[in-house]
Amino acid sequence: MQKQVIEHGGLPVGIAIPDSGKLRFIAVKFHVIDLDDRRFATVGELRAAISDHLKSSSPIAA
Protein backbone atom coordinates (compact mmCIF):
# COMPACT_ATOMS: atom_id res chain seq x y z
CA MET A 1 0.00 0.00 0.00
CA GLN A 2 1.18 3.48 -0.83
CA LYS A 3 0.03 6.95 0.06
CA GLN A 4 -2.42 8.26 -2.53
CA VAL A 5 -4.67 11.19 -3.31
CA ILE A 6 -8.38 10.44 -3.09
CA GLU A 7 -10.67 12.26 -5.49
CA HIS A 8 -14.44 12.57 -5.65
CA GLY A 9 -16.12 14.08 -8.68
CA GLY A 10 -12.71 14.88 -10.16
CA LEU A 11 -11.61 16.97 -7.17
CA PRO A 12 -9.10 15.94 -4.48
CA VAL A 13 -10.87 15.50 -1.13
CA GLY A 14 -8.11 13.86 0.92
CA ILE A 15 -5.28 11.39 1.06
CA ALA A 16 -5.10 7.77 2.15
CA ILE A 17 -2.00 6.62 3.98
CA PRO A 18 -1.07 3.08 5.05
CA ASP A 19 -1.64 2.48 8.75
CA SER A 20 -1.44 -0.94 10.42
CA GLY A 21 -2.57 -2.83 7.32
CA LYS A 22 -5.41 -0.43 6.54
CA LEU A 23 -5.72 2.96 4.87
CA ARG A 24 -6.18 6.00 7.09
CA PHE A 25 -8.08 8.83 5.44
CA ILE A 26 -6.94 12.40 5.96
CA ALA A 27 -9.58 14.84 4.72
CA VAL A 28 -8.53 18.05 3.00
CA LYS A 29 -12.03 19.28 2.15
CA PHE A 30 -14.62 20.33 4.72
CA HIS A 31 -17.51 18.38 3.19
CA VAL A 32 -15.74 15.05 4.01
CA ILE A 33 -14.23 16.09 7.35
CA ASP A 34 -16.51 13.65 9.22
CA LEU A 35 -14.51 10.81 7.64
CA ASP A 36 -11.16 12.24 8.72
CA ASP A 37 -8.86 9.79 10.52
CA ARG A 38 -11.11 6.78 9.80
CA ARG A 39 -9.49 3.59 8.57
CA PHE A 40 -10.61 1.55 5.57
CA ALA A 41 -9.59 -1.85 4.23
CA THR A 42 -9.45 -0.70 0.59
CA VAL A 43 -9.58 2.43 -1.54
CA GLY A 44 -12.89 1.17 -2.93
CA GLU A 45 -14.32 1.00 0.59
CA LEU A 46 -13.09 4.54 1.26
CA ARG A 47 -14.60 5.88 -1.97
CA ALA A 48 -17.92 4.18 -1.17
CA ALA A 49 -17.88 5.77 2.30
CA ILE A 50 -17.29 9.20 0.75
CA SER A 51 -20.17 8.71 -1.71
CA ASP A 52 -22.51 7.47 1.03
CA HIS A 53 -21.51 10.35 3.30
CA LEU A 54 -22.13 12.97 0.63
CA LYS A 55 -25.50 11.41 -0.31
CA SER A 56 -26.64 11.46 3.31
CA SER A 57 -25.38 14.98 4.02
CA SER A 58 -28.08 17.58 3.73
CA PRO A 59 -27.26 21.03 2.38
CA ILE A 60 -27.30 23.87 4.86
CA ALA A 61 -30.32 26.11 4.38
CA ALA A 62 -29.69 29.82 4.24
C-alpha atoms as a PDB file:
ATOM      1  CA  MET A   1       0.000   0.000   0.000  1.00  0.00           C
ATOM      2  CA  GLN A   2       1.183   3.475  -0.829  1.00  0.00           C
ATOM      3  CA  LYS A   3       0.032   6.953   0.063  1.00  0.00           C
ATOM      4  CA  GLN A   4      -2.420   8.264  -2.528  1.00  0.00           C
ATOM      5  CA  VAL A   5      -4.668  11.190  -3.305  1.00  0.00           C
ATOM      6  CA  ILE A   6      -8.384  10.436  -3.087  1.00  0.00           C
ATOM      7  CA  GLU A   7     -10.673  12.258  -5.492  1.00  0.00           C
ATOM      8  CA  HIS A   8     -14.439  12.570  -5.655  1.00  0.00           C
ATOM      9  CA  GLY A   9     -16.120  14.083  -8.679  1.00  0.00           C
ATOM     10  CA  GLY A  10     -12.712  14.879 -10.160  1.00  0.00           C
ATOM     11  CA  LEU A  11     -11.610  16.968  -7.168  1.00  0.00           C
ATOM     12  CA  PRO A  12      -9.105  15.938  -4.481  1.00  0.00           C
ATOM     13  CA  VAL A  13     -10.865  15.501  -1.127  1.00  0.00           C
ATOM     14  CA  GLY A  14      -8.111  13.858   0.920  1.00  0.00           C
ATOM     15  CA  ILE A  15      -5.280  11.386   1.063  1.00  0.00           C
ATOM     16  CA  ALA A  16      -5.098   7.770   2.146  1.00  0.00           C
ATOM     17  CA  ILE A  17      -1.996   6.616   3.979  1.00  0.00           C
ATOM     18  CA  PRO A  18      -1.070   3.083   5.047  1.00  0.00           C
ATOM     19  CA  ASP A  19      -1.643   2.485   8.748  1.00  0.00           C
ATOM     20  CA  SER A  20      -1.437  -0.939  10.423  1.00  0.00           C
ATOM     21  CA  GLY A  21      -2.574  -2.833   7.325  1.00  0.00           C
ATOM     22  CA  LYS A  22      -5.407  -0.428   6.538  1.00  0.00           C
ATOM     23  CA  LEU A  23      -5.721   2.963   4.870  1.00  0.00           C
ATOM     24  CA  ARG A  24      -6.179   6.000   7.091  1.00  0.00           C
ATOM     25  CA  PHE A  25      -8.083   8.827   5.436  1.00  0.00           C
ATOM     26  CA  ILE A  26      -6.942  12.404   5.957  1.00  0.00           C
ATOM     27  CA  ALA A  27      -9.581  14.837   4.719  1.00  0.00           C
ATOM     28  CA  VAL A  28      -8.531  18.046   3.005  1.00  0.00           C
ATOM     29  CA  LYS A  29     -12.030  19.284   2.154  1.00  0.00           C
ATOM     30  CA  PHE A  30     -14.617  20.327   4.722  1.00  0.00           C
ATOM     31  CA  HIS A  31     -17.506  18.376   3.186  1.00  0.00           C
ATOM     32  CA  VAL A  32     -15.739  15.053   4.008  1.00  0.00           C
ATOM     33  CA  ILE A  33     -14.229  16.087   7.349  1.00  0.00           C
ATOM     34  CA  ASP A  34     -16.509  13.649   9.222  1.00  0.00           C
ATOM     35  CA  LEU A  35     -14.511  10.806   7.636  1.00  0.00           C
ATOM     36  CA  ASP A  36     -11.160  12.243   8.721  1.00  0.00           C
ATOM     37  CA  ASP A  37      -8.864   9.789  10.516  1.00  0.00           C
ATOM     38  CA  ARG A  38     -11.105   6.775   9.802  1.00  0.00           C
ATOM     39  CA  ARG A  39      -9.490   3.590   8.572  1.00  0.00           C
ATOM     40  CA  PHE A  40     -10.613   1.554   5.568  1.00  0.00           C
ATOM     41  CA  ALA A  41      -9.588  -1.852   4.227  1.00  0.00           C
ATOM     42  CA  THR A  42      -9.446  -0.705   0.589  1.00  0.00           C
ATOM     43  CA  VAL A  43      -9.575   2.431  -1.537  1.00  0.00           C
ATOM     44  CA  GLY A  44     -12.892   1.172  -2.926  1.00  0.00           C
ATOM     45  CA  GLU A  45     -14.324   0.999   0.586  1.00  0.00           C
ATOM     46  CA  LEU A  46     -13.093   4.543   1.255  1.00  0.00           C
ATOM     47  CA  ARG A  47     -14.601   5.883  -1.965  1.00  0.00           C
ATOM     48  CA  ALA A  48     -17.917   4.184  -1.172  1.00  0.00           C
ATOM     49  CA  ALA A  49     -17.882   5.770   2.303  1.00  0.00           C
ATOM     50  CA  ILE A  50     -17.288   9.197   0.748  1.00  0.00           C
ATOM     51  CA  SER A  51     -20.175   8.710  -1.707  1.00  0.00           C
ATOM     52  CA  ASP A  52     -22.507   7.471   1.030  1.00  0.00           C
ATOM     53  CA  HIS A  53     -21.507  10.352   3.302  1.00  0.00           C
ATOM     54  CA  LEU A  54     -22.134  12.967   0.631  1.00  0.00           C
ATOM     55  CA  LYS A  55     -25.504  11.415  -0.306  1.00  0.00           C
ATOM     56  CA  SER A  56     -26.642  11.460   3.312  1.00  0.00           C
ATOM     57  CA  SER A  57     -25.379  14.980   4.025  1.00  0.00           C
ATOM     58  CA  SER A  58     -28.078  17.584   3.732  1.00  0.00           C
ATOM     59  CA  PRO A  59     -27.264  21.028   2.377  1.00  0.00           C
ATOM     60  CA  ILE A  60     -27.299  23.871   4.858  1.00  0.00           C
ATOM     61  CA  ALA A  61     -30.325  26.109   4.379  1.00  0.00           C
ATOM     62  CA  ALA A  62     -29.695  29.824   4.235  1.00  0.00           C
END
